[in-house]
């Protein structure tokens, strides 16, 4: 076997892995788009009074396609894919639903058939677009300074999107949610093998004990006082996040930034709910 023929299987295997990774990234971007943009639609419907419109199956299908398309387009832009590839992948989100909407309007396809059929047709459409552009090299994107700054601060943008509905409809969370805050650090620290430093582990366990104690007190006192303690606990964890962001230890800085903004938003909106209640 010559050296040239020996390279062909390896190159082919590399292409398959790259294609599979690209498709996996697209699916993840789709899911992220749906999870992050759903609160935006719900918040807009609450303000503008369009909840009944969003409940329609055809509108919901197109909204879902929009969420997935925006998530995928943002990720492909970030990865430097060509504009034509982005446009075609976005079209792969809409075309299956657009093909099924006329039969749905005619009563030939039910609600389940529209949503399930759209998703089933979407997958081969994505594969076709990925196969068509798999050999096109991604070029480093030229970004406006404002867009570059937003890309660097993606954890902050993500946290603000995730808490958008809380600003529209503030709510007081249950005391047990305080346990989630230190648990995230313990899980990530374990995964990153950060506990060689016993002092770092002791600090995290002390944090777990502190927030668990605060949750126990919040359960024992009247609801108003308990809610204030829960809000204070979330705000206190935002300061904990900032300290870890500065040190760069235990958790990645991106996680600490995301957690700090999320915790601050949750704490502030809980305080607003208590004042408004």
C-alpha atoms as a PDB file:
ATOM      1  CA  UNK A   1       0.000   0.000   0.000  1.00  0.00           C
ATOM      2  CA  UNK A   2       1.449   3.352  -1.010  1.00  0.00           C
ATOM      3  CA  UNK A   3       1.673   6.333   1.296  1.00  0.00           C
ATOM      4  CA  UNK A   4      -0.977   8.144  -0.774  1.00  0.00           C
ATOM      5  CA  UNK A   5      -3.555   5.372  -0.476  1.00  0.00           C
ATOM      6  CA  UNK A   6      -2.786   4.948   3.222  1.00  0.00           C
ATOM      7  CA  UNK A   7      -3.707   8.549   3.808  1.00  0.00           C
ATOM      8  CA  UNK A   8      -7.125   8.291   2.171  1.00  0.00           C
ATOM      9  CA  UNK A   9      -8.885   6.318   4.952  1.00  0.00           C
ATOM     10  CA  UNK A  10      -7.381   8.567   7.602  1.00  0.00           C
ATOM     11  CA  UNK A  11      -8.520  11.687   5.744  1.00  0.00           C
ATOM     12  CA  UNK A  12     -11.967  10.188   5.229  1.00  0.00           C
ATOM     13  CA  UNK A  13     -12.245   9.313   8.916  1.00  0.00           C
ATOM     14  CA  UNK A  14     -11.143  12.846   9.802  1.00  0.00           C
ATOM     15  CA  UNK A  15     -13.827  14.286   7.518  1.00  0.00           C
ATOM     16  CA  UNK A  16     -16.488  12.117   9.148  1.00  0.00           C
ATOM     17  CA  UNK A  17     -15.424  13.207  12.619  1.00  0.00           C
ATOM     18  CA  UNK A  18     -15.428  16.842  11.573  1.00  0.00           C
ATOM     19  CA  UNK A  19     -18.879  16.457  10.034  1.00  0.00           C
ATOM     20  CA  UNK A  20     -20.214  14.740  13.164  1.00  0.00           C
ATOM     21  CA  UNK A  21     -18.722  17.452  15.384  1.00  0.00           C
ATOM     22  CA  UNK A  22     -20.237  20.169  13.208  1.00  0.00           C
ATOM     23  CA  UNK A  23     -23.682  18.558  13.374  1.00  0.00           C
ATOM     24  CA  UNK A  24     -23.377  18.093  17.136  1.00  0.00           C
ATOM     25  CA  UNK A  25     -22.510  21.782  17.489  1.00  0.00           C
ATOM     26  CA  UNK A  26     -25.544  22.693  15.398  1.00  0.00           C
ATOM     27  CA  UNK A  27     -27.873  20.584  17.542  1.00  0.00           C
ATOM     28  CA  UNK A  28     -26.435  22.147  20.696  1.00  0.00           C
ATOM     29  CA  UNK A  29     -26.897  25.616  19.195  1.00  0.00           C
ATOM     30  CA  UNK A  30     -30.508  24.747  18.316  1.00  0.00           C
ATOM     31  CA  UNK A  31     -31.246  23.676  21.875  1.00  0.00           C
ATOM     32  CA  UNK A  32     -29.501  26.743  23.284  1.00  0.00           C
ATOM     33  CA  UNK A  33     -31.543  28.993  21.011  1.00  0.00           C
ATOM     34  CA  UNK A  34     -34.809  27.441  22.165  1.00  0.00           C
ATOM     35  CA  UNK A  35     -33.891  27.552  25.857  1.00  0.00           C
ATOM     36  CA  UNK A  36     -32.561  31.102  25.815  1.00  0.00           C
ATOM     37  CA  UNK A  37     -35.086  32.771  23.534  1.00  0.00           C
ATOM     38  CA  UNK A  38     -38.224  31.170  24.946  1.00  0.00           C
ATOM     39  CA  UNK A  39     -38.202  33.566  27.956  1.00  0.00           C
ATOM     40  CA  UNK A  40     -37.908  36.477  25.510  1.00  0.00           C
ATOM     41  CA  UNK A  41     -41.045  35.399  23.636  1.00  0.00           C
ATOM     42  CA  UNK A  42     -42.951  34.789  26.865  1.00  0.00           C
ATOM     43  CA  UNK A  43     -41.893  38.141  28.278  1.00  0.00           C
ATOM     44  CA  UNK A  44     -42.938  39.886  25.067  1.00  0.00           C
ATOM     45  CA  UNK A  45     -46.288  38.094  25.092  1.00  0.00           C
ATOM     46  CA  UNK A  46     -46.854  39.105  28.720  1.00  0.00           C
ATOM     47  CA  UNK A  47     -46.178  42.761  27.911  1.00  0.00           C
ATOM     48  CA  UNK A  48     -47.991  42.938  24.571  1.00  0.00           C
ATOM     49  CA  UNK A  49     -50.772  40.474  25.358  1.00  0.00           C
ATOM     50  CA  UNK A  50     -49.972  37.950  22.638  1.00  0.00           C
ATOM     51  CA  UNK A  51     -50.090  34.737  24.667  1.00  0.00           C
ATOM     52  CA  UNK A  52     -53.060  33.405  22.654  1.00  0.00           C
ATOM     53  CA  UNK A  53     -51.208  33.950  19.386  1.00  0.00           C
ATOM     54  CA  UNK A  54     -48.108  32.147  20.654  1.00  0.00           C
ATOM     55  CA  UNK A  55     -50.298  29.221  21.715  1.00  0.00           C
ATOM     56  CA  UNK A  56     -51.312  28.537  18.099  1.00  0.00           C
ATOM     57  CA  UNK A  57     -49.535  25.454  16.763  1.00  0.00           C
ATOM     58  CA  UNK A  58     -48.470  27.071  13.494  1.00  0.00           C
ATOM     59  CA  UNK A  59     -47.144  30.167  15.238  1.00  0.00           C
ATOM     60  CA  UNK A  60     -45.388  28.060  17.880  1.00  0.00           C
ATOM     61  CA  UNK A  61     -43.716  25.989  15.149  1.00  0.00           C
ATOM     62  CA  UNK A  62     -42.388  29.087  13.382  1.00  0.00           C
ATOM     63  CA  UNK A  63     -41.266  30.614  16.681  1.00  0.00           C
ATOM     64  CA  UNK A  64     -39.400  27.407  17.476  1.00  0.00           C
ATOM     65  CA  UNK A  65     -37.763  27.461  14.038  1.00  0.00           C
ATOM     66  CA  UNK A  66     -36.758  31.084  14.640  1.00  0.00           C
ATOM     67  CA  UNK A  67     -35.215  30.241  18.009  1.00  0.00           C
ATOM     68  CA  UNK A  68     -33.228  27.376  16.502  1.00  0.00           C
ATOM     69  CA  UNK A  69     -32.200  29.422  13.471  1.00  0.00           C
ATOM     70  CA  UNK A  70     -30.927  32.318  15.584  1.00  0.00           C
ATOM     71  CA  UNK A  71     -28.957  29.986  17.844  1.00  0.00           C
ATOM     72  CA  UNK A  72     -27.356  28.205  14.904  1.00  0.00           C
ATOM     73  CA  UNK A  73     -26.645  31.407  12.988  1.00  0.00           C
ATOM     74  CA  UNK A  74     -24.963  32.966  16.023  1.00  0.00           C
ATOM     75  CA  UNK A  75     -22.768  29.908  16.544  1.00  0.00           C
ATOM     76  CA  UNK A  76     -21.839  29.578  12.860  1.00  0.00           C
ATOM     77  CA  UNK A  77     -20.985  33.282  12.764  1.00  0.00           C
ATOM     78  CA  UNK A  78     -18.835  32.804  15.842  1.00  0.00           C
ATOM     79  CA  UNK A  79     -17.060  29.865  14.172  1.00  0.00           C
ATOM     80  CA  UNK A  80     -16.413  31.866  11.016  1.00  0.00           C
ATOM     81  CA  UNK A  81     -18.555  29.906   8.545  1.00  0.00           C
ATOM     82  CA  UNK A  82     -19.330  31.474   5.186  1.00  0.00           C
ATOM     83  CA  UNK A  83     -22.505  33.511   4.869  1.00  0.00           C
ATOM     84  CA  UNK A  84     -24.041  31.182   2.291  1.00  0.00           C
ATOM     85  CA  UNK A  85     -23.609  28.215   4.649  1.00  0.00           C
ATOM     86  CA  UNK A  86     -25.301  30.142   7.450  1.00  0.00           C
ATOM     87  CA  UNK A  87     -28.217  31.123   5.207  1.00  0.00           C
ATOM     88  CA  UNK A  88     -28.704  27.551   3.986  1.00  0.00           C
ATOM     89  CA  UNK A  89     -28.582  26.129   7.523  1.00  0.00           C
ATOM     90  CA  UNK A  90     -31.165  28.700   8.634  1.00  0.00           C
ATOM     91  CA  UNK A  91     -33.342  27.672   5.691  1.00  0.00           C
ATOM     92  CA  UNK A  92     -33.081  24.057   6.884  1.00  0.00           C
ATOM     93  CA  UNK A  93     -34.889  25.182  10.049  1.00  0.00           C
ATOM     94  CA  UNK A  94     -37.828  26.781   8.238  1.00  0.00           C
ATOM     95  CA  UNK A  95     -38.399  24.761   5.061  1.00  0.00           C
ATOM     96  CA  UNK A  96     -39.709  21.585   6.781  1.00  0.00           C
ATOM     97  CA  UNK A  97     -42.342  23.552   8.684  1.00  0.00           C
ATOM     98  CA  UNK A  98     -43.250  25.636   5.630  1.00  0.00           C
ATOM     99  CA  UNK A  99     -43.835  22.436   3.656  1.00  0.00           C
ATOM    100  CA  UNK A 100     -46.132  21.032   6.349  1.00  0.00           C
ATOM    101  CA  UNK A 101     -48.102  24.185   7.144  1.00  0.00           C
ATOM    102  CA  UNK A 102     -50.445  24.054   4.092  1.00  0.00           C
ATOM    103  CA  UNK A 103     -51.536  20.461   4.917  1.00  0.00           C
ATOM    104  CA  UNK A 104     -51.985  21.515   8.546  1.00  0.00           C
ATOM    105  CA  UNK A 105     -54.130  24.504   7.557  1.00  0.00           C
ATOM    106  CA  UNK A 106     -56.169  22.177   5.347  1.00  0.00           C
ATOM    107  CA  UNK A 107     -56.745  19.806   8.261  1.00  0.00           C
ATOM    108  CA  UNK A 108     -54.793  16.963   6.628  1.00  0.00           C
ATOM    109  CA  UNK A 109     -52.040  17.001   9.281  1.00  0.00           C
ATOM    110  CA  UNK A 110     -52.602  17.280  13.031  1.00  0.00           C
ATOM    111  CA  UNK A 111     -50.717  19.365  15.563  1.00  0.00           C
ATOM    112  CA  UNK A 112     -48.442  16.472  16.489  1.00  0.00           C
ATOM    113  CA  UNK A 113     -47.769  15.709  12.836  1.00  0.00           C
ATOM    114  CA  UNK A 114     -46.736  19.312  12.185  1.00  0.00           C
ATOM    115  CA  UNK A 115     -44.243  19.563  15.043  1.00  0.00           C
ATOM    116  CA  UNK A 116     -42.871  16.019  14.828  1.00  0.00           C
ATOM    117  CA  UNK A 117     -42.752  16.001  11.038  1.00  0.00           C
ATOM    118  CA  UNK A 118     -40.985  19.346  10.958  1.00  0.00           C
ATOM    119  CA  UNK A 119     -38.265  18.085  13.275  1.00  0.00           C
ATOM    120  CA  UNK A 120     -37.864  14.792  11.430  1.00  0.00           C
ATOM    121  CA  UNK A 121     -37.464  16.560   8.091  1.00  0.00           C
ATOM    122  CA  UNK A 122     -35.138  19.111   9.620  1.00  0.00           C
ATOM    123  CA  UNK A 123     -32.421  16.586  10.477  1.00  0.00           C
ATOM    124  CA  UNK A 124     -31.746  15.356   6.909  1.00  0.00           C
ATOM    125  CA  UNK A 125     -31.927  18.957   5.696  1.00  0.00           C
ATOM    126  CA  UNK A 126     -29.185  19.870   8.170  1.00  0.00           C
ATOM    127  CA  UNK A 127     -27.081  16.903   7.059  1.00  0.00           C
ATOM    128  CA  UNK A 128     -27.402  17.936   3.404  1.00  0.00           C
ATOM    129  CA  UNK A 129     -26.278  21.484   4.164  1.00  0.00           C
ATOM    130  CA  UNK A 130     -23.382  20.227   6.303  1.00  0.00           C
ATOM    131  CA  UNK A 131     -22.274  17.808   3.563  1.00  0.00           C
ATOM    132  CA  UNK A 132     -22.467  20.553   0.972  1.00  0.00           C
ATOM    133  CA  UNK A 133     -20.148  22.851   2.928  1.00  0.00           C
ATOM    134  CA  UNK A 134     -17.980  20.425   4.904  1.00  0.00           C
ATOM    135  CA  UNK A 135     -14.844  21.127   2.834  1.00  0.00           C
ATOM    136  CA  UNK A 136     -15.246  24.889   2.964  1.00  0.00           C
ATOM    137  CA  UNK A 137     -12.697  26.248   5.463  1.00  0.00           C
ATOM    138  CA  UNK A 138     -14.019  28.545   8.141  1.00  0.00           C
ATOM    139  CA  UNK A 139     -12.448  31.977   7.887  1.00  0.00           C
ATOM    140  CA  UNK A 140     -11.676  34.110  10.946  1.00  0.00           C
ATOM    141  CA  UNK A 141     -14.667  36.466  11.117  1.00  0.00           C
ATOM    142  CA  UNK A 142     -14.195  40.217  10.936  1.00  0.00           C
ATOM    143  CA  UNK A 143     -16.227  41.642  13.772  1.00  0.00           C
ATOM    144  CA  UNK A 144     -17.221  45.118  14.812  1.00  0.00           C
ATOM    145  CA  UNK A 145     -15.564  46.110  18.110  1.00  0.00           C
ATOM    146  CA  UNK A 146     -18.971  46.140  19.802  1.00  0.00           C
ATOM    147  CA  UNK A 147     -19.704  42.611  18.544  1.00  0.00           C
ATOM    148  CA  UNK A 148     -16.247  41.458  19.648  1.00  0.00           C
ATOM    149  CA  UNK A 149     -16.852  42.894  23.111  1.00  0.00           C
ATOM    150  CA  UNK A 150     -20.221  41.119  23.280  1.00  0.00           C
ATOM    151  CA  UNK A 151     -18.544  37.857  22.263  1.00  0.00           C
ATOM    152  CA  UNK A 152     -16.012  38.230  25.053  1.00  0.00           C
ATOM    153  CA  UNK A 153     -18.792  38.929  27.544  1.00  0.00           C
ATOM    154  CA  UNK A 154     -20.997  36.049  26.397  1.00  0.00           C
ATOM    155  CA  UNK A 155     -21.432  34.696  29.960  1.00  0.00           C
ATOM    156  CA  UNK A 156     -22.999  38.004  31.006  1.00  0.00           C
ATOM    157  CA  UNK A 157     -25.278  38.068  27.954  1.00  0.00           C
ATOM    158  CA  UNK A 158     -26.282  34.465  28.597  1.00  0.00           C
ATOM    159  CA  UNK A 159     -27.159  35.149  32.232  1.00  0.00           C
ATOM    160  CA  UNK A 160     -29.214  38.219  31.327  1.00  0.00           C
ATOM    161  CA  UNK A 161     -31.159  36.256  28.713  1.00  0.00           C
ATOM    162  CA  UNK A 162     -31.836  33.449  31.174  1.00  0.00           C
ATOM    163  CA  UNK A 163     -33.240  35.869  33.755  1.00  0.00           C
ATOM    164  CA  UNK A 164     -35.213  38.114  31.413  1.00  0.00           C
ATOM    165  CA  UNK A 165     -38.580  36.710  32.486  1.00  0.00           C
ATOM    166  CA  UNK A 166     -37.729  37.346  36.157  1.00  0.00           C
ATOM    167  CA  UNK A 167     -37.471  41.077  35.468  1.00  0.00           C
ATOM    168  CA  UNK A 168     -40.941  40.985  33.869  1.00  0.00           C
ATOM    169  CA  UNK A 169     -42.504  38.838  36.605  1.00  0.00           C
ATOM    170  CA  UNK A 170     -40.306  38.843  39.750  1.00  0.00           C
ATOM    171  CA  UNK A 171     -40.740  35.850  42.039  1.00  0.00           C
ATOM    172  CA  UNK A 172     -39.334  34.601  45.346  1.00  0.00           C
ATOM    173  CA  UNK A 173     -37.555  31.267  45.031  1.00  0.00           C
ATOM    174  CA  UNK A 174     -37.765  28.476  47.565  1.00  0.00           C
ATOM    175  CA  UNK A 175     -35.063  28.278  50.276  1.00  0.00           C
ATOM    176  CA  UNK A 176     -33.729  24.955  48.946  1.00  0.00           C
ATOM    177  CA  UNK A 177     -32.455  26.768  45.840  1.00  0.00           C
ATOM    178  CA  UNK A 178     -29.647  28.133  48.010  1.00  0.00           C
ATOM    179  CA  UNK A 179     -28.142  24.642  48.039  1.00  0.00           C
ATOM    180  CA  UNK A 180     -27.670  24.764  44.246  1.00  0.00           C
ATOM    181  CA  UNK A 181     -25.205  27.641  44.568  1.00  0.00           C
ATOM    182  CA  UNK A 182     -22.358  25.901  46.431  1.00  0.00           C
ATOM    183  CA  UNK A 183     -23.163  22.557  44.795  1.00  0.00           C
ATOM    184  CA  UNK A 184     -22.170  23.916  41.380  1.00  0.00           C
ATOM    185  CA  UNK A 185     -18.739  24.881  42.665  1.00  0.00           C
ATOM    186  CA  UNK A 186     -18.210  21.526  44.345  1.00  0.00           C
ATOM    187  CA  UNK A 187     -19.173  19.603  41.197  1.00  0.00           C
ATOM    188  CA  UNK A 188     -17.053  21.715  38.866  1.00  0.00           C
ATOM    189  CA  UNK A 189     -14.140  21.735  41.270  1.00  0.00           C
ATOM    190  CA  UNK A 190     -14.283  17.952  41.477  1.00  0.00           C
ATOM    191  CA  UNK A 191     -14.407  17.628  37.699  1.00  0.00           C
ATOM    192  CA  UNK A 192     -11.419  19.969  37.333  1.00  0.00           C
ATOM    193  CA  UNK A 193      -9.475  18.189  40.118  1.00  0.00           C
ATOM    194  CA  UNK A 194      -9.119  21.316  42.219  1.00  0.00           C
ATOM    195  CA  UNK A 195      -9.070  19.625  45.612  1.00  0.00           C
ATOM    196  CA  UNK A 196      -5.357  18.960  45.791  1.00  0.00           C
ATOM    197  CA  UNK A 197      -5.402  22.209  47.723  1.00  0.00           C
ATOM    198  CA  UNK A 198      -7.190  21.135  50.901  1.00  0.00           C
ATOM    199  CA  UNK A 199      -7.803  24.730  51.916  1.00  0.00           C
ATOM    200  CA  UNK A 200      -9.807  25.309  48.731  1.00  0.00           C
ATOM    201  CA  UNK A 201     -11.934  22.242  49.462  1.00  0.00           C
ATOM    202  CA  UNK A 202     -12.428  23.345  53.074  1.00  0.00           C
ATOM    203  CA  UNK A 203     -13.565  26.764  51.867  1.00  0.00           C
ATOM    204  CA  UNK A 204     -16.114  25.252  49.486  1.00  0.00           C
ATOM    205  CA  UNK A 205     -17.457  22.910  52.180  1.00  0.00           C
ATOM    206  CA  UNK A 206     -17.733  25.870  54.530  1.00  0.00           C
ATOM    207  CA  UNK A 207     -19.715  27.685  51.848  1.00  0.00           C
ATOM    208  CA  UNK A 208     -22.017  24.689  51.487  1.00  0.00           C
ATOM    209  CA  UNK A 209     -22.571  24.627  55.242  1.00  0.00           C
ATOM    210  CA  UNK A 210     -23.228  28.373  55.316  1.00  0.00           C
ATOM    211  CA  UNK A 211     -25.833  28.396  52.540  1.00  0.00           C
ATOM    212  CA  UNK A 212     -27.436  25.213  53.905  1.00  0.00           C
ATOM    213  CA  UNK A 213     -27.732  26.885  57.306  1.00  0.00           C
ATOM    214  CA  UNK A 214     -29.234  29.986  55.718  1.00  0.00           C
ATOM    215  CA  UNK A 215     -31.781  27.802  53.888  1.00  0.00           C
ATOM    216  CA  UNK A 216     -32.713  26.083  57.135  1.00  0.00           C
ATOM    217  CA  UNK A 217     -33.273  29.422  58.868  1.00  0.00           C
ATOM    218  CA  UNK A 218     -35.318  30.709  55.901  1.00  0.00           C
ATOM    219  CA  UNK A 219     -37.589  27.672  56.251  1.00  0.00           C
ATOM    220  CA  UNK A 220     -38.093  28.259  59.972  1.00  0.00           C
ATOM    221  CA  UNK A 221     -38.986  31.956  59.923  1.00  0.00           C
ATOM    222  CA  UNK A 222     -42.093  33.693  58.472  1.00  0.00           C
ATOM    223  CA  UNK A 223     -42.355  33.772  54.690  1.00  0.00           C
ATOM    224  CA  UNK A 224     -41.486  37.440  54.302  1.00  0.00           C
ATOM    225  CA  UNK A 225     -38.335  37.160  56.396  1.00  0.00           C
ATOM    226  CA  UNK A 226     -37.460  33.854  54.764  1.00  0.00           C
ATOM    227  CA  UNK A 227     -37.773  35.371  51.296  1.00  0.00           C
ATOM    228  CA  UNK A 228     -35.479  38.231  52.295  1.00  0.00           C
ATOM    229  CA  UNK A 229     -32.907  35.716  53.548  1.00  0.00           C
ATOM    230  CA  UNK A 230     -33.087  33.759  50.298  1.00  0.00           C
ATOM    231  CA  UNK A 231     -32.602  36.938  48.265  1.00  0.00           C
ATOM    232  CA  UNK A 232     -29.659  37.907  50.474  1.00  0.00           C
ATOM    233  CA  UNK A 233     -28.179  34.437  49.980  1.00  0.00           C
ATOM    234  CA  UNK A 234     -28.278  34.761  46.210  1.00  0.00           C
ATOM    235  CA  UNK A 235     -26.733  38.237  46.340  1.00  0.00           C
ATOM    236  CA  UNK A 236     -24.035  36.984  48.697  1.00  0.00           C
ATOM    237  CA  UNK A 237     -23.184  34.237  46.227  1.00  0.00           C
ATOM    238  CA  UNK A 238     -22.747  36.866  43.508  1.00  0.00           C
ATOM    239  CA  UNK A 239     -19.944  38.332  45.649  1.00  0.00           C
ATOM    240  CA  UNK A 240     -18.554  34.795  46.080  1.00  0.00           C
ATOM    241  CA  UNK A 241     -18.546  34.451  42.277  1.00  0.00           C
ATOM    242  CA  UNK A 242     -16.698  37.725  41.801  1.00  0.00           C
ATOM    243  CA  UNK A 243     -14.006  36.648  44.246  1.00  0.00           C
ATOM    244  CA  UNK A 244     -13.513  33.385  42.340  1.00  0.00           C
ATOM    245  CA  UNK A 245     -13.510  35.253  39.035  1.00  0.00           C
ATOM    246  CA  UNK A 246     -10.638  37.390  40.271  1.00  0.00           C
ATOM    247  CA  UNK A 247      -8.651  34.419  41.545  1.00  0.00           C
ATOM    248  CA  UNK A 248      -9.409  32.132  38.582  1.00  0.00           C
ATOM    249  CA  UNK A 249      -9.487  29.117  40.907  1.00  0.00           C
ATOM    250  CA  UNK A 250     -11.926  26.226  41.406  1.00  0.00           C
ATOM    251  CA  UNK A 251     -14.222  27.119  38.464  1.00  0.00           C
ATOM    252  CA  UNK A 252     -13.515  28.607  35.023  1.00  0.00           C
ATOM    253  CA  UNK A 253     -13.695  32.390  34.893  1.00  0.00           C
ATOM    254  CA  UNK A 254     -16.498  32.208  32.322  1.00  0.00           C
ATOM    255  CA  UNK A 255     -18.621  30.185  34.748  1.00  0.00           C
ATOM    256  CA  UNK A 256     -17.862  32.599  37.599  1.00  0.00           C
ATOM    257  CA  UNK A 257     -18.876  35.571  35.421  1.00  0.00           C
ATOM    258  CA  UNK A 258     -22.100  33.880  34.298  1.00  0.00           C
ATOM    259  CA  UNK A 259     -22.928  32.823  37.849  1.00  0.00           C
ATOM    260  CA  UNK A 260     -22.249  36.292  39.282  1.00  0.00           C
ATOM    261  CA  UNK A 261     -24.633  38.011  36.857  1.00  0.00           C
ATOM    262  CA  UNK A 262     -27.266  35.291  37.241  1.00  0.00           C
ATOM    263  CA  UNK A 263     -27.098  35.343  41.045  1.00  0.00           C
ATOM    264  CA  UNK A 264     -27.256  39.132  41.183  1.00  0.00           C
ATOM    265  CA  UNK A 265     -30.253  39.216  38.823  1.00  0.00           C
ATOM    266  CA  UNK A 266     -32.105  36.538  40.797  1.00  0.00           C
ATOM    267  CA  UNK A 267     -31.361  38.259  44.111  1.00  0.00           C
ATOM    268  CA  UNK A 268     -32.429  41.689  42.876  1.00  0.00           C
ATOM    269  CA  UNK A 269     -35.645  40.434  41.259  1.00  0.00           C
ATOM    270  CA  UNK A 270     -36.524  38.535  44.451  1.00  0.00           C
ATOM    271  CA  UNK A 271     -36.082  41.760  46.393  1.00  0.00           C
ATOM    272  CA  UNK A 272     -38.362  43.525  43.899  1.00  0.00           C
ATOM    273  CA  UNK A 273     -40.962  40.767  44.335  1.00  0.00           C
ATOM    274  CA  UNK A 274     -40.838  41.177  48.113  1.00  0.00           C
ATOM    275  CA  UNK A 275     -41.202  44.945  47.910  1.00  0.00           C
ATOM    276  CA  UNK A 276     -43.998  44.701  45.348  1.00  0.00           C
ATOM    277  CA  UNK A 277     -45.811  42.018  47.352  1.00  0.00           C
END
